[in-house]
N, C-alpha and C. Protein backbone atom coordinates (compact mmCIF):
# COMPACT_ATOMS: atom_id res chain seq x y z
N MET A 1 -6.61 -13.43 -11.48
CA MET A 1 -5.95 -12.46 -12.31
C MET A 1 -4.67 -13.07 -12.85
N LYS A 2 -4.56 -13.05 -14.14
CA LYS A 2 -3.44 -13.68 -14.81
C LYS A 2 -2.48 -12.58 -15.31
N ILE A 3 -1.17 -12.77 -15.04
CA ILE A 3 -0.16 -11.81 -15.48
C ILE A 3 0.46 -12.34 -16.77
N SER A 4 0.54 -11.44 -17.73
CA SER A 4 1.14 -11.86 -19.01
C SER A 4 2.64 -12.03 -18.86
N LYS A 5 3.23 -12.78 -19.79
CA LYS A 5 4.68 -13.02 -19.75
C LYS A 5 5.45 -11.71 -19.90
N LEU A 6 4.96 -10.80 -20.69
CA LEU A 6 5.62 -9.51 -20.89
C LEU A 6 5.64 -8.71 -19.58
N THR A 7 4.54 -8.67 -18.87
CA THR A 7 4.47 -7.95 -17.60
C THR A 7 5.39 -8.60 -16.57
N ALA A 8 5.41 -9.90 -16.50
CA ALA A 8 6.28 -10.61 -15.57
C ALA A 8 7.74 -10.33 -15.87
N THR A 9 8.10 -10.30 -17.15
CA THR A 9 9.47 -10.01 -17.55
C THR A 9 9.85 -8.59 -17.16
N ILE A 10 8.95 -7.65 -17.38
CA ILE A 10 9.23 -6.24 -17.03
C ILE A 10 9.42 -6.12 -15.52
N LEU A 11 8.56 -6.77 -14.73
CA LEU A 11 8.68 -6.72 -13.28
C LEU A 11 9.99 -7.35 -12.80
N LEU A 12 10.41 -8.44 -13.42
CA LEU A 12 11.66 -9.10 -13.08
C LEU A 12 12.85 -8.18 -13.38
N VAL A 13 12.85 -7.54 -14.54
CA VAL A 13 13.94 -6.63 -14.92
C VAL A 13 13.99 -5.44 -13.96
N LEU A 14 12.83 -4.89 -13.64
CA LEU A 14 12.78 -3.75 -12.71
C LEU A 14 13.29 -4.13 -11.32
N SER A 15 12.94 -5.30 -10.84
CA SER A 15 13.41 -5.72 -9.52
C SER A 15 14.92 -5.96 -9.52
N ILE A 16 15.45 -6.50 -10.61
CA ILE A 16 16.90 -6.69 -10.72
C ILE A 16 17.62 -5.34 -10.74
N LEU A 17 17.10 -4.40 -11.52
CA LEU A 17 17.70 -3.05 -11.59
C LEU A 17 17.63 -2.36 -10.22
N THR A 18 16.53 -2.50 -9.52
CA THR A 18 16.39 -1.91 -8.19
C THR A 18 17.40 -2.53 -7.23
N SER A 19 17.56 -3.83 -7.29
CA SER A 19 18.54 -4.51 -6.43
C SER A 19 19.96 -4.03 -6.71
N VAL A 20 20.30 -3.90 -7.99
CA VAL A 20 21.63 -3.41 -8.37
C VAL A 20 21.81 -1.98 -7.86
N PHE A 21 20.81 -1.15 -8.03
CA PHE A 21 20.87 0.24 -7.59
C PHE A 21 21.08 0.32 -6.08
N VAL A 22 20.33 -0.47 -5.31
CA VAL A 22 20.47 -0.49 -3.85
C VAL A 22 21.86 -0.97 -3.45
N CYS A 23 22.38 -1.96 -4.12
CA CYS A 23 23.74 -2.45 -3.84
C CYS A 23 24.78 -1.36 -4.11
N LEU A 24 24.63 -0.65 -5.21
CA LEU A 24 25.56 0.44 -5.52
C LEU A 24 25.52 1.54 -4.47
N ILE A 25 24.34 1.88 -4.02
CA ILE A 25 24.21 2.89 -2.96
C ILE A 25 24.88 2.39 -1.69
N TYR A 26 24.62 1.15 -1.32
CA TYR A 26 25.21 0.58 -0.12
C TYR A 26 26.74 0.63 -0.20
N LEU A 27 27.29 0.25 -1.33
CA LEU A 27 28.75 0.27 -1.49
C LEU A 27 29.31 1.68 -1.43
N SER A 28 28.64 2.64 -2.03
CA SER A 28 29.14 4.02 -1.99
C SER A 28 29.06 4.60 -0.59
N ILE A 29 28.02 4.26 0.16
CA ILE A 29 27.91 4.73 1.55
C ILE A 29 29.02 4.12 2.39
N ASN A 30 29.25 2.85 2.26
CA ASN A 30 30.31 2.21 3.05
C ASN A 30 31.68 2.76 2.70
N LYS A 31 31.89 3.11 1.44
CA LYS A 31 33.17 3.69 1.03
C LYS A 31 33.36 5.07 1.63
N SER A 32 32.31 5.90 1.57
CA SER A 32 32.44 7.28 2.03
C SER A 32 32.52 7.38 3.55
N PHE A 33 32.01 6.38 4.28
CA PHE A 33 32.06 6.43 5.73
C PHE A 33 33.08 5.46 6.32
N SER A 34 34.04 5.07 5.52
CA SER A 34 35.06 4.17 6.05
C SER A 34 35.93 4.92 7.05
N PRO A 35 36.47 4.22 8.03
CA PRO A 35 37.29 4.89 9.04
C PRO A 35 38.47 5.60 8.39
N SER A 36 38.66 6.83 8.80
CA SER A 36 39.71 7.65 8.22
C SER A 36 40.93 7.64 9.14
N THR A 37 42.08 7.75 8.54
CA THR A 37 43.29 7.83 9.34
C THR A 37 43.47 9.24 9.87
N ASP A 38 42.75 10.18 9.28
CA ASP A 38 42.88 11.57 9.69
C ASP A 38 41.56 12.07 10.28
N ASN A 39 41.23 11.63 11.49
CA ASN A 39 39.97 12.00 12.12
C ASN A 39 39.86 13.49 12.37
N LYS A 40 40.99 14.13 12.67
CA LYS A 40 40.97 15.56 12.93
C LYS A 40 40.52 16.31 11.68
N SER A 41 40.99 15.87 10.53
CA SER A 41 40.58 16.48 9.27
C SER A 41 39.09 16.28 9.03
N ASP A 42 38.58 15.09 9.34
CA ASP A 42 37.15 14.82 9.19
C ASP A 42 36.33 15.71 10.10
N ILE A 43 36.78 15.91 11.32
CA ILE A 43 36.07 16.76 12.27
C ILE A 43 36.08 18.20 11.77
N THR A 44 37.22 18.65 11.27
CA THR A 44 37.31 20.01 10.73
C THR A 44 36.35 20.18 9.56
N LYS A 45 36.27 19.18 8.68
CA LYS A 45 35.34 19.26 7.55
C LYS A 45 33.90 19.35 8.04
N LEU A 46 33.57 18.58 9.08
CA LEU A 46 32.22 18.61 9.63
C LEU A 46 31.92 19.98 10.22
N ILE A 47 32.88 20.55 10.93
CA ILE A 47 32.69 21.88 11.51
C ILE A 47 32.48 22.91 10.41
N LEU A 48 33.29 22.82 9.36
CA LEU A 48 33.15 23.78 8.27
C LEU A 48 31.80 23.63 7.56
N LEU A 49 31.32 22.41 7.42
CA LEU A 49 29.99 22.20 6.83
C LEU A 49 28.90 22.80 7.71
N THR A 50 29.05 22.63 9.02
CA THR A 50 28.08 23.20 9.96
C THR A 50 28.11 24.72 9.87
N GLN A 51 29.31 25.29 9.80
CA GLN A 51 29.44 26.74 9.68
C GLN A 51 28.86 27.23 8.37
N ALA A 52 29.06 26.48 7.31
CA ALA A 52 28.51 26.86 6.01
C ALA A 52 26.98 26.88 6.08
N HIS A 53 26.41 25.90 6.78
CA HIS A 53 24.96 25.86 6.94
C HIS A 53 24.49 27.07 7.74
N THR A 54 25.18 27.38 8.84
CA THR A 54 24.83 28.53 9.67
C THR A 54 24.90 29.81 8.86
N SER A 55 25.97 29.94 8.09
CA SER A 55 26.15 31.13 7.28
C SER A 55 25.05 31.24 6.23
N ALA A 56 24.75 30.14 5.56
CA ALA A 56 23.73 30.16 4.52
C ALA A 56 22.35 30.49 5.09
N GLU A 57 22.11 30.04 6.31
CA GLU A 57 20.82 30.26 6.95
C GLU A 57 20.63 31.71 7.38
N ASN A 58 21.71 32.41 7.68
CA ASN A 58 21.64 33.76 8.24
C ASN A 58 22.11 34.86 7.30
N ASP A 59 22.92 34.52 6.33
CA ASP A 59 23.50 35.55 5.47
C ASP A 59 22.47 36.19 4.54
N ASN A 60 22.79 37.41 4.19
CA ASN A 60 21.98 38.23 3.28
C ASN A 60 20.62 38.59 3.86
N LEU A 61 20.45 38.38 5.16
CA LEU A 61 19.23 38.85 5.82
C LEU A 61 19.44 40.31 6.21
N TYR A 62 18.39 41.08 6.13
CA TYR A 62 18.46 42.47 6.58
C TYR A 62 17.88 42.54 7.98
N ILE A 63 18.59 43.24 8.85
CA ILE A 63 18.10 43.38 10.21
C ILE A 63 17.71 44.83 10.45
N ASP A 64 16.73 44.98 11.28
CA ASP A 64 16.22 46.30 11.62
C ASP A 64 16.57 46.57 13.09
N SER A 65 17.78 47.03 13.31
CA SER A 65 18.22 47.30 14.67
C SER A 65 18.58 48.78 14.79
N ASP A 66 17.73 49.51 15.48
CA ASP A 66 17.98 50.94 15.66
C ASP A 66 19.31 51.19 16.36
N LYS A 67 19.64 50.32 17.31
CA LYS A 67 20.88 50.51 18.08
C LYS A 67 22.12 50.39 17.20
N ILE A 68 22.16 49.37 16.35
CA ILE A 68 23.32 49.19 15.46
C ILE A 68 23.36 50.31 14.43
N LEU A 69 22.21 50.64 13.87
CA LEU A 69 22.13 51.72 12.88
C LEU A 69 22.59 53.05 13.48
N GLU A 70 22.15 53.33 14.68
CA GLU A 70 22.54 54.56 15.37
C GLU A 70 24.05 54.58 15.63
N TYR A 71 24.60 53.44 16.08
CA TYR A 71 26.03 53.34 16.34
C TYR A 71 26.83 53.62 15.06
N CYS A 72 26.43 52.97 13.97
CA CYS A 72 27.14 53.14 12.69
C CYS A 72 27.06 54.58 12.21
N SER A 73 25.90 55.18 12.34
CA SER A 73 25.69 56.56 11.91
C SER A 73 26.54 57.52 12.74
N ARG A 74 26.54 57.35 14.06
CA ARG A 74 27.29 58.20 14.98
C ARG A 74 28.80 58.12 14.74
N ASN A 75 29.29 56.95 14.28
CA ASN A 75 30.73 56.75 14.10
C ASN A 75 31.17 56.81 12.64
N GLY A 76 30.30 57.30 11.76
CA GLY A 76 30.66 57.44 10.34
C GLY A 76 30.85 56.11 9.62
N LEU A 77 30.12 55.09 10.04
CA LEU A 77 30.29 53.75 9.46
C LEU A 77 29.08 53.29 8.65
N SER A 78 28.23 54.23 8.26
CA SER A 78 27.00 53.86 7.54
C SER A 78 27.29 53.12 6.24
N ASP A 79 28.38 53.46 5.57
CA ASP A 79 28.74 52.82 4.30
C ASP A 79 29.96 51.92 4.42
N SER A 80 30.27 51.49 5.64
CA SER A 80 31.44 50.64 5.88
C SER A 80 31.02 49.34 6.55
N PRO A 81 31.76 48.28 6.28
CA PRO A 81 31.47 47.03 6.99
C PRO A 81 31.89 47.13 8.45
N VAL A 82 31.08 46.52 9.30
CA VAL A 82 31.35 46.50 10.74
C VAL A 82 31.35 45.04 11.18
N PHE A 83 32.39 44.63 11.89
CA PHE A 83 32.46 43.27 12.42
C PHE A 83 31.70 43.25 13.74
N VAL A 84 30.69 42.38 13.83
CA VAL A 84 29.81 42.36 15.01
C VAL A 84 29.98 41.05 15.77
N ILE A 85 30.09 41.20 17.09
CA ILE A 85 30.11 40.06 17.99
C ILE A 85 28.81 40.13 18.77
N ASN A 86 27.92 39.20 18.54
CA ASN A 86 26.62 39.18 19.20
C ASN A 86 26.66 38.18 20.35
N TYR A 87 26.31 38.65 21.55
CA TYR A 87 26.31 37.74 22.69
C TYR A 87 25.17 38.11 23.63
N SER A 88 24.87 37.17 24.51
CA SER A 88 23.76 37.34 25.43
C SER A 88 24.22 37.01 26.84
N LEU A 89 23.51 37.57 27.80
CA LEU A 89 23.75 37.23 29.20
C LEU A 89 23.50 35.74 29.42
N LEU A 90 22.68 35.14 28.56
CA LEU A 90 22.33 33.73 28.70
C LEU A 90 23.37 32.79 28.08
N ASN A 91 24.32 33.31 27.30
CA ASN A 91 25.38 32.48 26.72
C ASN A 91 26.37 32.09 27.81
N CYS A 92 27.06 30.97 27.60
CA CYS A 92 28.05 30.55 28.59
C CYS A 92 29.18 31.58 28.63
N LYS A 93 29.57 31.94 29.83
CA LYS A 93 30.60 32.97 30.02
C LYS A 93 31.92 32.56 29.37
N SER A 94 32.28 31.28 29.48
CA SER A 94 33.55 30.84 28.89
C SER A 94 33.51 30.95 27.36
N CYS A 95 32.32 30.81 26.76
CA CYS A 95 32.20 30.95 25.30
C CYS A 95 32.43 32.41 24.89
N ILE A 96 31.83 33.33 25.64
CA ILE A 96 32.00 34.76 25.36
C ILE A 96 33.47 35.14 25.57
N ASP A 97 34.05 34.69 26.69
CA ASP A 97 35.45 35.00 26.99
C ASP A 97 36.38 34.45 25.91
N PHE A 98 36.07 33.27 25.38
CA PHE A 98 36.88 32.69 24.30
C PHE A 98 36.89 33.59 23.07
N VAL A 99 35.73 34.09 22.69
CA VAL A 99 35.63 34.96 21.51
C VAL A 99 36.43 36.24 21.75
N VAL A 100 36.24 36.86 22.91
CA VAL A 100 36.93 38.11 23.23
C VAL A 100 38.44 37.89 23.30
N LYS A 101 38.87 36.84 23.98
CA LYS A 101 40.30 36.55 24.13
C LYS A 101 40.95 36.30 22.77
N THR A 102 40.26 35.56 21.91
CA THR A 102 40.80 35.28 20.58
C THR A 102 40.92 36.56 19.76
N LEU A 103 39.92 37.42 19.86
CA LEU A 103 39.98 38.71 19.15
C LEU A 103 41.13 39.57 19.68
N LYS A 104 41.30 39.56 21.01
CA LYS A 104 42.39 40.35 21.60
C LYS A 104 43.76 39.79 21.24
N GLU A 105 43.84 38.49 21.01
CA GLU A 105 45.09 37.90 20.55
C GLU A 105 45.38 38.37 19.12
N LYS A 106 44.34 38.58 18.37
CA LYS A 106 44.46 38.99 16.96
C LYS A 106 44.73 40.49 16.83
N LEU A 107 44.09 41.26 17.68
CA LEU A 107 44.18 42.72 17.61
C LEU A 107 44.53 43.31 18.97
N ILE A 108 45.65 44.00 19.04
CA ILE A 108 46.06 44.60 20.31
C ILE A 108 45.08 45.70 20.72
N ASP A 109 44.66 46.49 19.75
CA ASP A 109 43.84 47.67 20.03
C ASP A 109 42.35 47.43 19.77
N LEU A 110 41.85 46.30 20.19
CA LEU A 110 40.46 45.92 19.95
C LEU A 110 39.48 46.99 20.44
N GLU A 111 39.70 47.52 21.63
CA GLU A 111 38.77 48.50 22.22
C GLU A 111 38.71 49.81 21.44
N GLN A 112 39.78 50.17 20.72
CA GLN A 112 39.80 51.43 19.99
C GLN A 112 39.19 51.33 18.58
N ARG A 113 38.93 50.15 18.12
CA ARG A 113 38.43 49.97 16.75
C ARG A 113 36.93 50.21 16.68
N LYS A 114 36.55 51.26 15.99
CA LYS A 114 35.13 51.61 15.86
C LYS A 114 34.38 50.61 14.99
N ASN A 115 35.08 49.93 14.07
CA ASN A 115 34.40 49.01 13.16
C ASN A 115 34.31 47.58 13.70
N ILE A 116 34.56 47.43 15.00
CA ILE A 116 34.31 46.16 15.69
C ILE A 116 33.35 46.48 16.83
N LEU A 117 32.17 45.86 16.76
CA LEU A 117 31.08 46.21 17.66
C LEU A 117 30.56 44.98 18.41
N PHE A 118 30.38 45.13 19.70
CA PHE A 118 29.77 44.08 20.52
C PHE A 118 28.29 44.43 20.70
N VAL A 119 27.43 43.49 20.35
CA VAL A 119 25.99 43.66 20.52
C VAL A 119 25.55 42.73 21.64
N ALA A 120 25.09 43.33 22.75
CA ALA A 120 24.71 42.56 23.93
C ALA A 120 23.19 42.55 24.06
N LYS A 121 22.68 41.39 24.48
CA LYS A 121 21.23 41.30 24.71
C LYS A 121 20.96 40.59 26.02
N ASP A 122 19.76 40.78 26.52
CA ASP A 122 19.28 40.17 27.76
C ASP A 122 19.91 40.76 29.02
N PHE A 123 20.48 41.94 28.92
CA PHE A 123 21.00 42.63 30.10
C PHE A 123 19.94 43.60 30.59
N ARG A 124 19.76 43.70 31.90
CA ARG A 124 18.72 44.59 32.45
C ARG A 124 19.10 46.06 32.29
N GLU A 125 20.34 46.36 32.46
CA GLU A 125 20.77 47.75 32.32
C GLU A 125 22.04 47.81 31.51
N GLU A 126 22.23 48.95 30.90
CA GLU A 126 23.39 49.11 30.04
C GLU A 126 24.61 49.44 30.88
N SER A 127 25.17 48.41 31.47
CA SER A 127 26.37 48.61 32.28
C SER A 127 27.55 48.87 31.36
N LYS A 128 28.58 49.42 31.92
CA LYS A 128 29.77 49.68 31.12
C LYS A 128 30.36 48.34 30.67
N SER A 129 30.53 48.17 29.39
CA SER A 129 31.02 46.90 28.85
C SER A 129 32.54 46.83 28.96
N LYS A 130 33.02 45.65 29.28
CA LYS A 130 34.47 45.46 29.33
C LYS A 130 35.00 45.01 27.98
N TYR A 131 34.11 44.97 26.99
CA TYR A 131 34.50 44.42 25.69
C TYR A 131 34.73 45.46 24.61
N GLY A 132 34.78 46.72 24.91
CA GLY A 132 35.03 47.71 23.86
C GLY A 132 33.74 48.37 23.42
N ASN A 133 33.63 48.68 22.15
CA ASN A 133 32.45 49.36 21.62
C ASN A 133 31.24 48.43 21.71
N SER A 134 30.21 48.86 22.43
CA SER A 134 29.06 48.00 22.66
C SER A 134 27.75 48.75 22.49
N VAL A 135 26.76 48.02 22.04
CA VAL A 135 25.38 48.49 22.11
C VAL A 135 24.59 47.41 22.82
N PHE A 136 23.57 47.83 23.56
CA PHE A 136 22.75 46.89 24.32
C PHE A 136 21.34 46.91 23.75
N LEU A 137 20.88 45.74 23.33
CA LEU A 137 19.51 45.63 22.85
C LEU A 137 18.58 45.64 24.05
N LYS A 138 17.36 46.11 23.84
CA LYS A 138 16.38 46.14 24.93
C LYS A 138 16.11 44.72 25.43
N PRO A 139 15.84 44.56 26.71
CA PRO A 139 15.54 43.23 27.25
C PRO A 139 14.43 42.54 26.44
N GLY A 140 14.66 41.30 26.10
CA GLY A 140 13.70 40.53 25.31
C GLY A 140 13.81 40.77 23.82
N LYS A 141 14.63 41.72 23.41
CA LYS A 141 14.81 42.04 21.99
C LYS A 141 16.00 41.27 21.46
N ALA A 142 15.89 40.80 20.23
CA ALA A 142 16.98 40.08 19.56
C ALA A 142 17.07 40.58 18.13
N LEU A 143 18.03 40.07 17.39
CA LEU A 143 18.20 40.48 15.99
C LEU A 143 17.18 39.81 15.07
N ASP A 144 16.47 38.82 15.60
CA ASP A 144 15.45 38.08 14.84
C ASP A 144 16.02 37.39 13.61
N ILE A 145 17.11 36.67 13.83
CA ILE A 145 17.70 35.84 12.78
C ILE A 145 17.87 34.43 13.37
N PRO A 146 17.98 33.41 12.54
CA PRO A 146 18.10 32.04 13.05
C PRO A 146 19.25 31.83 14.05
N ALA A 147 20.36 32.52 13.87
CA ALA A 147 21.51 32.33 14.76
C ALA A 147 21.21 32.74 16.20
N ASP A 148 20.20 33.59 16.40
CA ASP A 148 19.81 33.97 17.76
C ASP A 148 19.42 32.77 18.60
N ASN A 149 19.00 31.71 17.96
CA ASN A 149 18.53 30.52 18.67
C ASN A 149 19.63 29.52 19.00
N CYS A 150 20.88 29.82 18.65
CA CYS A 150 21.95 28.84 18.85
C CYS A 150 22.43 28.77 20.29
N GLY A 151 22.14 29.78 21.11
CA GLY A 151 22.54 29.76 22.50
C GLY A 151 24.02 30.00 22.72
N MET A 152 24.69 30.52 21.70
CA MET A 152 26.14 30.78 21.76
C MET A 152 26.39 32.18 21.19
N PRO A 153 27.52 32.79 21.57
CA PRO A 153 27.88 34.03 20.90
C PRO A 153 28.19 33.72 19.44
N PHE A 154 27.87 34.65 18.56
CA PHE A 154 28.20 34.47 17.15
C PHE A 154 28.67 35.78 16.57
N VAL A 155 29.34 35.70 15.46
CA VAL A 155 29.91 36.88 14.82
C VAL A 155 29.43 36.97 13.38
N PHE A 156 29.46 38.19 12.84
CA PHE A 156 29.09 38.39 11.45
C PHE A 156 29.58 39.75 11.00
N VAL A 157 29.50 39.99 9.71
CA VAL A 157 29.80 41.31 9.16
C VAL A 157 28.47 42.00 8.91
N TYR A 158 28.34 43.22 9.42
CA TYR A 158 27.14 44.03 9.21
C TYR A 158 27.51 45.09 8.17
N TYR A 159 26.75 45.12 7.08
CA TYR A 159 27.05 46.09 6.03
C TYR A 159 25.74 46.63 5.45
N LYS A 160 25.50 47.90 5.71
CA LYS A 160 24.30 48.59 5.22
C LYS A 160 23.02 47.84 5.58
N GLY A 161 22.94 47.37 6.82
CA GLY A 161 21.75 46.69 7.30
C GLY A 161 21.70 45.20 7.01
N GLN A 162 22.68 44.70 6.30
CA GLN A 162 22.68 43.30 5.88
C GLN A 162 23.68 42.49 6.69
N ILE A 163 23.33 41.24 6.97
CA ILE A 163 24.22 40.33 7.68
C ILE A 163 24.98 39.48 6.66
N LEU A 164 26.29 39.40 6.85
CA LEU A 164 27.15 38.61 5.96
C LEU A 164 28.08 37.72 6.79
N HIS A 165 28.36 36.55 6.31
CA HIS A 165 29.38 35.65 6.87
C HIS A 165 29.20 35.33 8.35
N THR A 166 28.01 34.88 8.72
CA THR A 166 27.73 34.50 10.11
C THR A 166 28.59 33.30 10.50
N PHE A 167 29.12 33.36 11.71
CA PHE A 167 30.02 32.30 12.19
C PHE A 167 29.80 32.11 13.68
N ILE A 168 29.72 30.86 14.11
CA ILE A 168 29.58 30.54 15.53
C ILE A 168 30.90 29.94 16.00
N PRO A 169 31.72 30.71 16.72
CA PRO A 169 33.02 30.20 17.19
C PRO A 169 32.86 29.03 18.15
N ASP A 170 33.79 28.09 18.06
CA ASP A 170 33.76 26.89 18.90
C ASP A 170 35.06 26.84 19.70
N ILE A 171 34.93 26.77 21.01
CA ILE A 171 36.10 26.74 21.90
C ILE A 171 37.06 25.63 21.52
N ALA A 172 36.54 24.50 21.09
CA ALA A 172 37.38 23.34 20.78
C ALA A 172 38.12 23.49 19.45
N ASN A 173 37.80 24.49 18.67
CA ASN A 173 38.42 24.66 17.35
C ASN A 173 38.85 26.10 17.10
N LYS A 174 39.79 26.53 17.91
CA LYS A 174 40.27 27.91 17.83
C LYS A 174 40.88 28.22 16.46
N ASN A 175 41.59 27.26 15.87
CA ASN A 175 42.23 27.51 14.57
C ASN A 175 41.23 27.82 13.47
N VAL A 176 40.06 27.18 13.53
CA VAL A 176 39.03 27.46 12.54
C VAL A 176 38.55 28.91 12.70
N PHE A 177 38.36 29.34 13.95
CA PHE A 177 37.95 30.73 14.21
C PHE A 177 39.02 31.72 13.76
N LEU A 178 40.28 31.41 14.05
CA LEU A 178 41.37 32.29 13.62
C LEU A 178 41.43 32.40 12.10
N SER A 179 41.22 31.29 11.41
CA SER A 179 41.21 31.32 9.94
C SER A 179 40.06 32.18 9.43
N TYR A 180 38.90 32.03 10.05
CA TYR A 180 37.73 32.85 9.69
C TYR A 180 38.07 34.33 9.85
N LEU A 181 38.66 34.68 11.01
CA LEU A 181 39.02 36.09 11.26
C LEU A 181 40.00 36.61 10.22
N ASP A 182 41.01 35.81 9.88
CA ASP A 182 41.99 36.23 8.87
C ASP A 182 41.30 36.58 7.56
N VAL A 183 40.43 35.70 7.12
CA VAL A 183 39.74 35.90 5.83
C VAL A 183 38.83 37.12 5.88
N ILE A 184 38.01 37.23 6.92
CA ILE A 184 37.04 38.32 7.03
C ILE A 184 37.73 39.66 7.22
N PHE A 185 38.72 39.72 8.09
CA PHE A 185 39.41 40.98 8.33
C PHE A 185 40.10 41.49 7.07
N LYS A 186 40.67 40.57 6.31
CA LYS A 186 41.35 40.96 5.08
C LYS A 186 40.33 41.36 4.01
N ARG A 187 39.30 40.55 3.83
CA ARG A 187 38.31 40.80 2.77
C ARG A 187 37.58 42.13 2.96
N TYR A 188 37.22 42.44 4.20
CA TYR A 188 36.44 43.65 4.47
C TYR A 188 37.28 44.78 5.06
N ASN A 189 38.59 44.61 5.06
CA ASN A 189 39.51 45.62 5.55
C ASN A 189 39.11 46.10 6.95
N ILE A 190 38.73 45.15 7.78
CA ILE A 190 38.30 45.47 9.14
C ILE A 190 39.47 46.01 9.95
N ILE A 191 40.63 45.46 9.75
CA ILE A 191 41.78 45.86 10.54
C ILE A 191 42.54 47.02 9.94
N GLY A 192 42.35 47.26 8.65
CA GLY A 192 42.99 48.38 8.00
C GLY A 192 44.49 48.20 7.82
N PRO A 193 45.10 49.06 7.02
CA PRO A 193 46.53 48.93 6.74
C PRO A 193 47.41 49.24 7.95
N GLU A 194 46.91 50.08 8.87
CA GLU A 194 47.72 50.46 10.02
C GLU A 194 47.47 49.54 11.21
N SER A 195 47.00 48.35 10.95
CA SER A 195 46.54 47.43 11.99
C SER A 195 47.63 47.06 13.00
N SER A 196 47.13 46.72 14.16
CA SER A 196 48.01 46.24 15.23
C SER A 196 47.73 44.76 15.44
N ILE A 197 48.07 43.97 14.45
CA ILE A 197 47.83 42.54 14.55
C ILE A 197 48.99 41.89 15.28
N ILE A 198 48.63 40.94 16.09
CA ILE A 198 49.67 40.19 16.80
C ILE A 198 50.03 38.99 15.98
């Protein structure tokens, strides 16, 4: 099989262009992953990207939870946003305590706020919760959203059956969680004008 000069020239040009393209990609990758003087900033960016992925994966999903719906209806919150803290008996206790402690640092009167709800799952009986307003899902029942599989407590805004702004708090990055709370509480008026913020 004989290759014409035109075909050989085209193949040579294509291989040169491919080599140049690969070199450009290699250089751009090395530039973007060069050691940073601000590693903390890089870690924060990575955490925020992870949170953005979590939020995108779970947001705008509608959940069918009779317990949450009943709670909202009973407390006149059917048309109001409710800040939900979802946790399980299977989550690490220090992770749950971190979320609760951070919320209590933010709000003195956490237990009195009807629009902040703790959703507990995997408990055998509905014991009195030490976390304020709580509903207990039936054993083996979950919200059936991707965040249920993270093995950590997570928070979100529940509004008319829809999940918004899902966030998985990280003990190692309290400031990121506090920033999230500031934005969400202000945007959805969770704390209200008469708030008891610390």
